[in-house]
Structure formats: C-alpha cells, structure tokens
Amino acid sequence: MWLAMGKQRGRSGSWWGQAGFSLAEILMATAISSVVLLALYLLYDVNQVTFLKGEQQADLQQNARIAVDRIVRELRLAGFDPQTPTIIPAPCTTAIQSATATSIRFIADIDSDGTTERVEYSYDAACMPSCAVNPPKIRRQEWPSLVGPPCTTNWSVGGGVQPFAERVITLNFQYYDGAGALLPTPVANPGDIRRISVTITTQDAQTGSKAQPFTLRAEVRPRNLGL
C-alpha cells in the first residue's frame, strides 16, 4: 500500500515525477523546428517578392497608360481653336509645328477654355547624377496663349518644362500622311501629317528578378488636320 502511494520508478529507472527530455530528444526537436521555420520563412519570402514584383509591374503599366492616354487625348485636338472659323490661328500655318522621333509640338485649345495653347512633349534620356536618382522621363511644356506673330516663337511663358512620366526608356513618334505613307523624321512639312503613332516603353529595377519592360502603343488621327 505504501509503495502504491509513493513515487515509483519507471522502466527507465527515473522517478515518474522527475521525468524530462534527453539531449538527443532536444536536438531532434530543435532540428525539426528549424526546418519548419526555414520552410515558412522561404514561403513568406517568395510570396513577398511575388507581391512586390506584381505591384511594381502594375505601377509601370499604369504609368505608361496615363502618359499615352493624355498624349493621345491632346494630340487629337491638335489644330482645334474655337476662336476662329479657320481652326488654326491666323499667324500659324500648321497645327503641328515640329515633329521628330522623340518629340512633338502642336497647338490646340486643349482645355476648352477658348484660348489656344501650345504644347510640347519630349523625351529626356539624361540620368544625372544617376538613373536611380533621376530616371529617364517624358517632359511636357505648355505655353498658355499666343501673343502675336510669329507663331513659332511669340507665346506667353507658362510653367516651363515639367516632368510628365518617369521610368520611360523609350518614347517614339511615327507620322503618316493622308495616303498612309510613313513620313521620315524629323518631318520636313508638318502640315502633311494626318496620323500619329505613339509608343512608350517603361522599365524599372524589380525586386528579386531582372527588370521587365512594358510597351504600350497607340495611334491617333487628329480631328482637325484634314482627312
């Protein structure tokens, strides 16, 4: 009876009330826990990198879409001037004043305020002091109103050249005449332009992988340049 109420020895020789883990058991449990924790960390890291890559790619695509949408929307109005029945203000001979492979300058009442503005989009590939600090970009400049002749220079000063879209590695304009023929750039006679193709490629360093470029292309036929 006394033996049943007191502490009894197990088969291993230790008292039941004083049992514990052996060194081998502790090492085994530690190794298993480490493997499980490492697997969880790797799973988290992969998911995190995938999420960041997707977010960066979506941001690049959105950046390109916003840039293309605005350029196309304003180019579609090239030559629109509600002030005069002839569409283009008298001192100006053409709605598009200059057209190169990486820039375009045109006149239009882009904000429907009754005043003709001059707008220029241009590509700035400079990376000073570095592309990480100052990536390539599209720049936009607007002149609020025409002061008087000549149309090519006599415009009121606006806010100057402004960054429009960043992380842009290419901006390309292509121009076509009324017959659909591709015009060489720079276009010698901008009055021949009837259709414009705009291509933008954005790219940025991505987390955990090589940067993936995103290219967006759109075509616009300005309504006031003729058929």
C-alpha atoms as a PDB file:
ATOM      1  CA  MET A   1       0.000   0.000   0.000  1.00  0.00           C
ATOM      2  CA  TRP A   2       2.755   2.374   0.896  1.00  0.00           C
ATOM      3  CA  LEU A   3       4.514   1.573  -2.325  1.00  0.00           C
ATOM      4  CA  ALA A   4       1.418   2.445  -4.425  1.00  0.00           C
ATOM      5  CA  MET A   5       1.106   5.907  -2.823  1.00  0.00           C
ATOM      6  CA  GLY A   6       4.778   6.890  -3.038  1.00  0.00           C
ATOM      7  CA  LYS A   7       6.880   7.717  -6.046  1.00  0.00           C
ATOM      8  CA  GLN A   8       7.545   4.715  -8.209  1.00  0.00           C
ATOM      9  CA  ARG A   9      10.311   4.031 -10.641  1.00  0.00           C
ATOM     10  CA  GLY A  10       9.564   3.566 -14.324  1.00  0.00           C
ATOM     11  CA  ARG A  11      11.267   1.103 -16.538  1.00  0.00           C
ATOM     12  CA  SER A  12      13.968   3.612 -17.371  1.00  0.00           C
ATOM     13  CA  GLY A  13      14.908   3.902 -13.732  1.00  0.00           C
ATOM     14  CA  SER A  14      13.822   7.572 -13.343  1.00  0.00           C
ATOM     15  CA  TRP A  15      11.131   8.722 -10.955  1.00  0.00           C
ATOM     16  CA  TRP A  16       7.807   9.405 -12.679  1.00  0.00           C
ATOM     17  CA  GLY A  17       7.512  12.875 -11.126  1.00  0.00           C
ATOM     18  CA  GLN A  18      11.002  13.894 -12.280  1.00  0.00           C
ATOM     19  CA  ALA A  19      10.903  12.775 -15.942  1.00  0.00           C
ATOM     20  CA  GLY A  20      12.392  15.132 -18.703  1.00  0.00           C
ATOM     21  CA  PHE A  21      13.774  15.255 -22.235  1.00  0.00           C
ATOM     22  CA  SER A  22      17.036  13.679 -23.079  1.00  0.00           C
ATOM     23  CA  LEU A  23      19.720  15.621 -25.020  1.00  0.00           C
ATOM     24  CA  ALA A  24      19.004  13.582 -28.140  1.00  0.00           C
ATOM     25  CA  GLU A  25      15.303  14.442 -27.968  1.00  0.00           C
ATOM     26  CA  ILE A  26      16.052  18.159 -27.554  1.00  0.00           C
ATOM     27  CA  LEU A  27      18.422  18.162 -30.524  1.00  0.00           C
ATOM     28  CA  MET A  28      15.890  16.329 -32.665  1.00  0.00           C
ATOM     29  CA  ALA A  29      13.080  18.734 -31.739  1.00  0.00           C
ATOM     30  CA  THR A  30      15.346  21.724 -32.449  1.00  0.00           C
ATOM     31  CA  ALA A  31      16.306  20.357 -35.865  1.00  0.00           C
ATOM     32  CA  ILE A  32      12.685  19.708 -36.833  1.00  0.00           C
ATOM     33  CA  SER A  33      11.608  23.155 -35.616  1.00  0.00           C
ATOM     34  CA  SER A  34      14.420  24.794 -37.593  1.00  0.00           C
ATOM     35  CA  VAL A  35      13.390  23.033 -40.788  1.00  0.00           C
ATOM     36  CA  VAL A  36       9.748  24.029 -40.324  1.00  0.00           C
ATOM     37  CA  LEU A  37      10.644  27.659 -39.551  1.00  0.00           C
ATOM     38  CA  LEU A  38      13.010  27.821 -42.544  1.00  0.00           C
ATOM     39  CA  ALA A  39      10.293  26.482 -44.847  1.00  0.00           C
ATOM     40  CA  LEU A  40       7.818  29.048 -43.525  1.00  0.00           C
ATOM     41  CA  TYR A  41      10.324  31.862 -43.989  1.00  0.00           C
ATOM     42  CA  LEU A  42      11.121  30.795 -47.561  1.00  0.00           C
ATOM     43  CA  LEU A  43       7.407  30.614 -48.358  1.00  0.00           C
ATOM     44  CA  TYR A  44       6.872  34.092 -46.925  1.00  0.00           C
ATOM     45  CA  ASP A  45       9.883  35.482 -48.800  1.00  0.00           C
ATOM     46  CA  VAL A  46       8.713  34.044 -52.137  1.00  0.00           C
ATOM     47  CA  ASN A  47       5.205  35.436 -51.623  1.00  0.00           C
ATOM     48  CA  GLN A  48       6.583  38.827 -50.634  1.00  0.00           C
ATOM     49  CA  VAL A  49       8.848  39.039 -53.695  1.00  0.00           C
ATOM     50  CA  THR A  50       5.996  37.939 -55.975  1.00  0.00           C
ATOM     51  CA  PHE A  51       3.720  40.581 -54.480  1.00  0.00           C
ATOM     52  CA  LEU A  52       6.314  43.352 -54.868  1.00  0.00           C
ATOM     53  CA  LYS A  53       7.077  42.334 -58.463  1.00  0.00           C
ATOM     54  CA  GLY A  54       3.389  42.391 -59.321  1.00  0.00           C
ATOM     55  CA  GLU A  55       2.946  45.772 -57.663  1.00  0.00           C
ATOM     56  CA  GLN A  56       5.935  47.251 -59.490  1.00  0.00           C
ATOM     57  CA  GLN A  57       4.785  45.879 -62.843  1.00  0.00           C
ATOM     58  CA  ALA A  58       1.279  47.230 -62.300  1.00  0.00           C
ATOM     59  CA  ASP A  59       2.754  50.627 -61.436  1.00  0.00           C
ATOM     60  CA  LEU A  60       4.837  50.644 -64.626  1.00  0.00           C
ATOM     61  CA  GLN A  61       1.829  49.717 -66.742  1.00  0.00           C
ATOM     62  CA  GLN A  62      -0.308  52.388 -65.107  1.00  0.00           C
ATOM     63  CA  ASN A  63       2.458  54.933 -65.644  1.00  0.00           C
ATOM     64  CA  ALA A  64       2.602  54.121 -69.363  1.00  0.00           C
ATOM     65  CA  ARG A  65      -1.179  54.133 -69.778  1.00  0.00           C
ATOM     66  CA  ILE A  66      -1.603  57.518 -68.118  1.00  0.00           C
ATOM     67  CA  ALA A  67       1.128  59.016 -70.301  1.00  0.00           C
ATOM     68  CA  VAL A  68      -0.225  57.563 -73.561  1.00  0.00           C
ATOM     69  CA  ASP A  69      -3.826  58.479 -72.732  1.00  0.00           C
ATOM     70  CA  ARG A  70      -3.027  62.131 -72.142  1.00  0.00           C
ATOM     71  CA  ILE A  71      -0.724  62.474 -75.149  1.00  0.00           C
ATOM     72  CA  VAL A  72      -3.332  60.889 -77.417  1.00  0.00           C
ATOM     73  CA  ARG A  73      -6.164  62.965 -75.954  1.00  0.00           C
ATOM     74  CA  GLU A  74      -4.312  66.246 -76.515  1.00  0.00           C
ATOM     75  CA  LEU A  75      -2.951  65.276 -79.918  1.00  0.00           C
ATOM     76  CA  ARG A  76      -6.475  64.500 -81.059  1.00  0.00           C
ATOM     77  CA  LEU A  77      -7.272  68.185 -80.502  1.00  0.00           C
ATOM     78  CA  ALA A  78      -4.282  69.479 -82.489  1.00  0.00           C
ATOM     79  CA  GLY A  79      -5.457  72.415 -84.560  1.00  0.00           C
ATOM     80  CA  PHE A  80      -8.672  72.922 -82.618  1.00  0.00           C
ATOM     81  CA  ASP A  81      -9.259  76.601 -81.956  1.00  0.00           C
ATOM     82  CA  PRO A  82     -12.814  77.772 -81.184  1.00  0.00           C
ATOM     83  CA  GLN A  83     -11.778  81.405 -81.566  1.00  0.00           C
ATOM     84  CA  THR A  84     -11.542  81.355 -85.353  1.00  0.00           C
ATOM     85  CA  PRO A  85     -13.511  79.601 -88.081  1.00  0.00           C
ATOM     86  CA  THR A  86     -10.273  78.570 -89.779  1.00  0.00           C
ATOM     87  CA  ILE A  87      -9.360  76.305 -86.819  1.00  0.00           C
ATOM     88  CA  ILE A  88      -5.697  77.382 -86.754  1.00  0.00           C
ATOM     89  CA  PRO A  89      -4.928  80.941 -85.559  1.00  0.00           C
ATOM     90  CA  ALA A  90      -4.041  83.282 -88.412  1.00  0.00           C
ATOM     91  CA  PRO A  91      -0.297  83.654 -87.597  1.00  0.00           C
ATOM     92  CA  CYS A  92       0.140  79.861 -87.593  1.00  0.00           C
ATOM     93  CA  THR A  93       0.480  77.850 -90.776  1.00  0.00           C
ATOM     94  CA  THR A  94       0.117  74.348 -89.335  1.00  0.00           C
ATOM     95  CA  ALA A  95      -1.335  72.833 -86.174  1.00  0.00           C
ATOM     96  CA  ILE A  96       1.763  70.679 -85.661  1.00  0.00           C
ATOM     97  CA  GLN A  97       4.797  72.921 -85.514  1.00  0.00           C
ATOM     98  CA  SER A  98       7.552  70.339 -85.153  1.00  0.00           C
ATOM     99  CA  ALA A  99       7.621  66.546 -85.313  1.00  0.00           C
ATOM    100  CA  THR A 100      10.629  64.374 -84.540  1.00  0.00           C
ATOM    101  CA  ALA A 101      11.023  60.743 -83.472  1.00  0.00           C
ATOM    102  CA  THR A 102      11.166  61.714 -79.781  1.00  0.00           C
ATOM    103  CA  SER A 103       9.236  64.990 -79.579  1.00  0.00           C
ATOM    104  CA  ILE A 104       6.204  66.776 -80.931  1.00  0.00           C
ATOM    105  CA  ARG A 105       4.994  70.369 -80.644  1.00  0.00           C
ATOM    106  CA  PHE A 106       1.473  71.376 -81.580  1.00  0.00           C
ATOM    107  CA  ILE A 107      -1.221  73.992 -80.958  1.00  0.00           C
ATOM    108  CA  ALA A 108      -4.774  73.399 -79.743  1.00  0.00           C
ATOM    109  CA  ASP A 109      -7.338  74.565 -77.246  1.00  0.00           C
ATOM    110  CA  ILE A 110      -6.620  71.533 -75.065  1.00  0.00           C
ATOM    111  CA  ASP A 111      -8.654  72.617 -72.049  1.00  0.00           C
ATOM    112  CA  SER A 112     -11.649  74.105 -73.929  1.00  0.00           C
ATOM    113  CA  ASP A 113     -11.219  77.483 -72.252  1.00  0.00           C
ATOM    114  CA  GLY A 114     -11.478  79.443 -75.503  1.00  0.00           C
ATOM    115  CA  THR A 115      -7.734  80.104 -75.702  1.00  0.00           C
ATOM    116  CA  THR A 116      -5.293  78.268 -77.947  1.00  0.00           C
ATOM    117  CA  GLU A 117      -2.292  76.754 -76.171  1.00  0.00           C
ATOM    118  CA  ARG A 118       0.971  75.380 -77.488  1.00  0.00           C
ATOM    119  CA  VAL A 119       2.104  72.020 -76.084  1.00  0.00           C
ATOM    120  CA  GLU A 120       5.300  70.067 -76.472  1.00  0.00           C
ATOM    121  CA  TYR A 121       6.108  66.510 -75.413  1.00  0.00           C
ATOM    122  CA  SER A 122       9.748  65.454 -75.480  1.00  0.00           C
ATOM    123  CA  TYR A 123      11.889  62.576 -74.262  1.00  0.00           C
ATOM    124  CA  ASP A 124      14.688  63.245 -71.770  1.00  0.00           C
ATOM    125  CA  ALA A 125      17.097  60.298 -71.550  1.00  0.00           C
ATOM    126  CA  ALA A 126      19.526  62.080 -69.225  1.00  0.00           C
ATOM    127  CA  CYS A 127      20.281  60.283 -65.958  1.00  0.00           C
ATOM    128  CA  MET A 128      22.092  62.873 -63.885  1.00  0.00           C
ATOM    129  CA  PRO A 129      23.599  62.144 -61.453  1.00  0.00           C
ATOM    130  CA  SER A 130      22.342  58.572 -61.978  1.00  0.00           C
ATOM    131  CA  CYS A 131      19.335  56.748 -63.406  1.00  0.00           C
ATOM    132  CA  ALA A 132      18.425  55.536 -59.918  1.00  0.00           C
ATOM    133  CA  VAL A 133      18.166  59.130 -58.692  1.00  0.00           C
ATOM    134  CA  ASN A 134      16.921  60.739 -61.910  1.00  0.00           C
ATOM    135  CA  PRO A 135      15.449  58.113 -64.284  1.00  0.00           C
ATOM    136  CA  PRO A 136      14.699  58.842 -67.957  1.00  0.00           C
ATOM    137  CA  LYS A 137      11.408  60.632 -68.414  1.00  0.00           C
ATOM    138  CA  ILE A 138       8.937  62.329 -70.709  1.00  0.00           C
ATOM    139  CA  ARG A 139       8.727  66.085 -70.293  1.00  0.00           C
ATOM    140  CA  ARG A 140       5.782  68.310 -71.094  1.00  0.00           C
ATOM    141  CA  GLN A 141       5.740  72.058 -71.660  1.00  0.00           C
ATOM    142  CA  GLU A 142       2.755  74.313 -72.226  1.00  0.00           C
ATOM    143  CA  TRP A 143       2.562  77.894 -73.430  1.00  0.00           C
ATOM    144  CA  PRO A 144      -0.795  79.390 -72.337  1.00  0.00           C
ATOM    145  CA  SER A 145      -1.537  81.770 -75.226  1.00  0.00           C
ATOM    146  CA  LEU A 146      -0.313  83.245 -78.491  1.00  0.00           C
ATOM    147  CA  VAL A 147       0.825  86.831 -78.022  1.00  0.00           C
ATOM    148  CA  GLY A 148       1.194  87.600 -81.711  1.00  0.00           C
ATOM    149  CA  PRO A 149       3.172  86.678 -84.805  1.00  0.00           C
ATOM    150  CA  PRO A 150       5.343  84.816 -85.453  1.00  0.00           C
ATOM    151  CA  CYS A 151       3.511  81.683 -84.364  1.00  0.00           C
ATOM    152  CA  THR A 152       6.705  79.693 -83.847  1.00  0.00           C
ATOM    153  CA  THR A 153       8.108  81.821 -81.028  1.00  0.00           C
ATOM    154  CA  ASN A 154       5.744  84.502 -79.735  1.00  0.00           C
ATOM    155  CA  TRP A 155       3.921  82.646 -76.973  1.00  0.00           C
ATOM    156  CA  SER A 156       3.319  83.659 -73.375  1.00  0.00           C
ATOM    157  CA  VAL A 157       5.550  81.973 -70.817  1.00  0.00           C
ATOM    158  CA  GLY A 158       3.968  79.113 -68.902  1.00  0.00           C
ATOM    159  CA  GLY A 159       5.253  76.976 -66.090  1.00  0.00           C
ATOM    160  CA  GLY A 160       8.292  75.781 -68.029  1.00  0.00           C
ATOM    161  CA  VAL A 161       9.283  72.199 -68.780  1.00  0.00           C
ATOM    162  CA  GLN A 162       7.716  69.741 -66.343  1.00  0.00           C
ATOM    163  CA  PRO A 163       8.377  66.015 -65.762  1.00  0.00           C
ATOM    164  CA  PHE A 164       5.400  64.160 -67.161  1.00  0.00           C
ATOM    165  CA  ALA A 165       6.174  60.435 -66.868  1.00  0.00           C
ATOM    166  CA  GLU A 166       9.204  58.772 -65.300  1.00  0.00           C
ATOM    167  CA  ARG A 167      10.984  55.424 -65.761  1.00  0.00           C
ATOM    168  CA  VAL A 168      10.460  55.711 -69.505  1.00  0.00           C
ATOM    169  CA  ILE A 169      13.191  54.057 -71.578  1.00  0.00           C
ATOM    170  CA  THR A 170      11.720  54.884 -74.997  1.00  0.00           C
ATOM    171  CA  LEU A 171       9.319  57.435 -76.466  1.00  0.00           C
ATOM    172  CA  ASN A 172       8.771  57.157 -80.190  1.00  0.00           C
ATOM    173  CA  PHE A 173       6.537  59.083 -82.563  1.00  0.00           C
ATOM    174  CA  GLN A 174       5.808  57.942 -86.100  1.00  0.00           C
ATOM    175  CA  TYR A 175       3.958  60.116 -88.599  1.00  0.00           C
ATOM    176  CA  TYR A 176       1.849  59.222 -91.624  1.00  0.00           C
ATOM    177  CA  ASP A 177       0.425  61.311 -94.431  1.00  0.00           C
ATOM    178  CA  GLY A 178      -3.076  61.190 -95.868  1.00  0.00           C
ATOM    179  CA  ALA A 179      -2.188  58.201 -98.066  1.00  0.00           C
ATOM    180  CA  GLY A 180      -0.903  56.222 -95.083  1.00  0.00           C
ATOM    181  CA  ALA A 181       2.778  56.564 -96.040  1.00  0.00           C
ATOM    182  CA  LEU A 182       5.319  56.802 -93.232  1.00  0.00           C
ATOM    183  CA  LEU A 183       6.984  60.220 -93.139  1.00  0.00           C
ATOM    184  CA  PRO A 184      10.718  60.441 -92.359  1.00  0.00           C
ATOM    185  CA  THR A 185      11.655  62.214 -89.130  1.00  0.00           C
ATOM    186  CA  PRO A 186      12.093  64.989 -88.459  1.00  0.00           C
ATOM    187  CA  VAL A 187       9.108  65.764 -90.652  1.00  0.00           C
ATOM    188  CA  ALA A 188      10.057  68.471 -93.121  1.00  0.00           C
ATOM    189  CA  ASN A 189       6.488  69.668 -93.623  1.00  0.00           C
ATOM    190  CA  PRO A 190       4.367  69.004 -90.500  1.00  0.00           C
ATOM    191  CA  GLY A 191       1.303  70.055 -92.496  1.00  0.00           C
ATOM    192  CA  ASP A 192       1.463  66.669 -94.272  1.00  0.00           C
ATOM    193  CA  ILE A 193       0.788  64.760 -91.053  1.00  0.00           C
ATOM    194  CA  ARG A 194      -2.591  63.085 -90.776  1.00  0.00           C
ATOM    195  CA  ARG A 195      -1.949  60.207 -88.395  1.00  0.00           C
ATOM    196  CA  ILE A 196       0.453  59.765 -85.468  1.00  0.00           C
ATOM    197  CA  SER A 197       1.649  56.608 -83.731  1.00  0.00           C
ATOM    198  CA  VAL A 198       2.865  56.901 -80.123  1.00  0.00           C
ATOM    199  CA  THR A 199       4.967  54.190 -78.451  1.00  0.00           C
ATOM    200  CA  ILE A 200       6.108  54.298 -74.840  1.00  0.00           C
ATOM    201  CA  THR A 201       8.223  51.702 -73.021  1.00  0.00           C
ATOM    202  CA  THR A 202       8.630  51.858 -69.263  1.00  0.00           C
ATOM    203  CA  GLN A 203      11.070  49.844 -67.195  1.00  0.00           C
ATOM    204  CA  ASP A 204      12.353  49.839 -63.634  1.00  0.00           C
ATOM    205  CA  ALA A 205      14.545  47.636 -61.444  1.00  0.00           C
ATOM    206  CA  GLN A 206      12.416  44.919 -59.878  1.00  0.00           C
ATOM    207  CA  THR A 207      12.730  43.096 -56.584  1.00  0.00           C
ATOM    208  CA  GLY A 208      14.172  39.612 -56.920  1.00  0.00           C
ATOM    209  CA  SER A 209      14.394  39.451 -60.715  1.00  0.00           C
ATOM    210  CA  LYS A 210      15.504  41.172 -63.889  1.00  0.00           C
ATOM    211  CA  ALA A 211      13.534  44.280 -64.758  1.00  0.00           C
ATOM    212  CA  GLN A 212      10.725  43.606 -67.216  1.00  0.00           C
ATOM    213  CA  PRO A 213       9.868  46.379 -69.720  1.00  0.00           C
ATOM    214  CA  PHE A 214       6.302  47.268 -70.594  1.00  0.00           C
ATOM    215  CA  THR A 215       5.479  48.724 -74.017  1.00  0.00           C
ATOM    216  CA  LEU A 216       2.277  50.493 -74.949  1.00  0.00           C
ATOM    217  CA  ARG A 217       1.407  51.744 -78.419  1.00  0.00           C
ATOM    218  CA  ALA A 218      -1.486  53.882 -79.598  1.00  0.00           C
ATOM    219  CA  GLU A 219      -2.477  55.678 -82.769  1.00  0.00           C
ATOM    220  CA  VAL A 220      -4.284  58.973 -83.088  1.00  0.00           C
ATOM    221  CA  ARG A 221      -5.799  60.791 -86.038  1.00  0.00           C
ATOM    222  CA  PRO A 222      -6.170  64.478 -85.055  1.00  0.00           C
ATOM    223  CA  ARG A 223      -9.658  65.616 -85.993  1.00  0.00           C
ATOM    224  CA  ASN A 224      -8.634  68.993 -87.365  1.00  0.00           C
ATOM    225  CA  LEU A 225      -5.701  68.120 -89.616  1.00  0.00           C
ATOM    226  CA  GLY A 226      -7.855  67.125 -92.581  1.00  0.00           C
ATOM    227  CA  LEU A 227      -8.815  63.729 -93.983  1.00  0.00           C
END
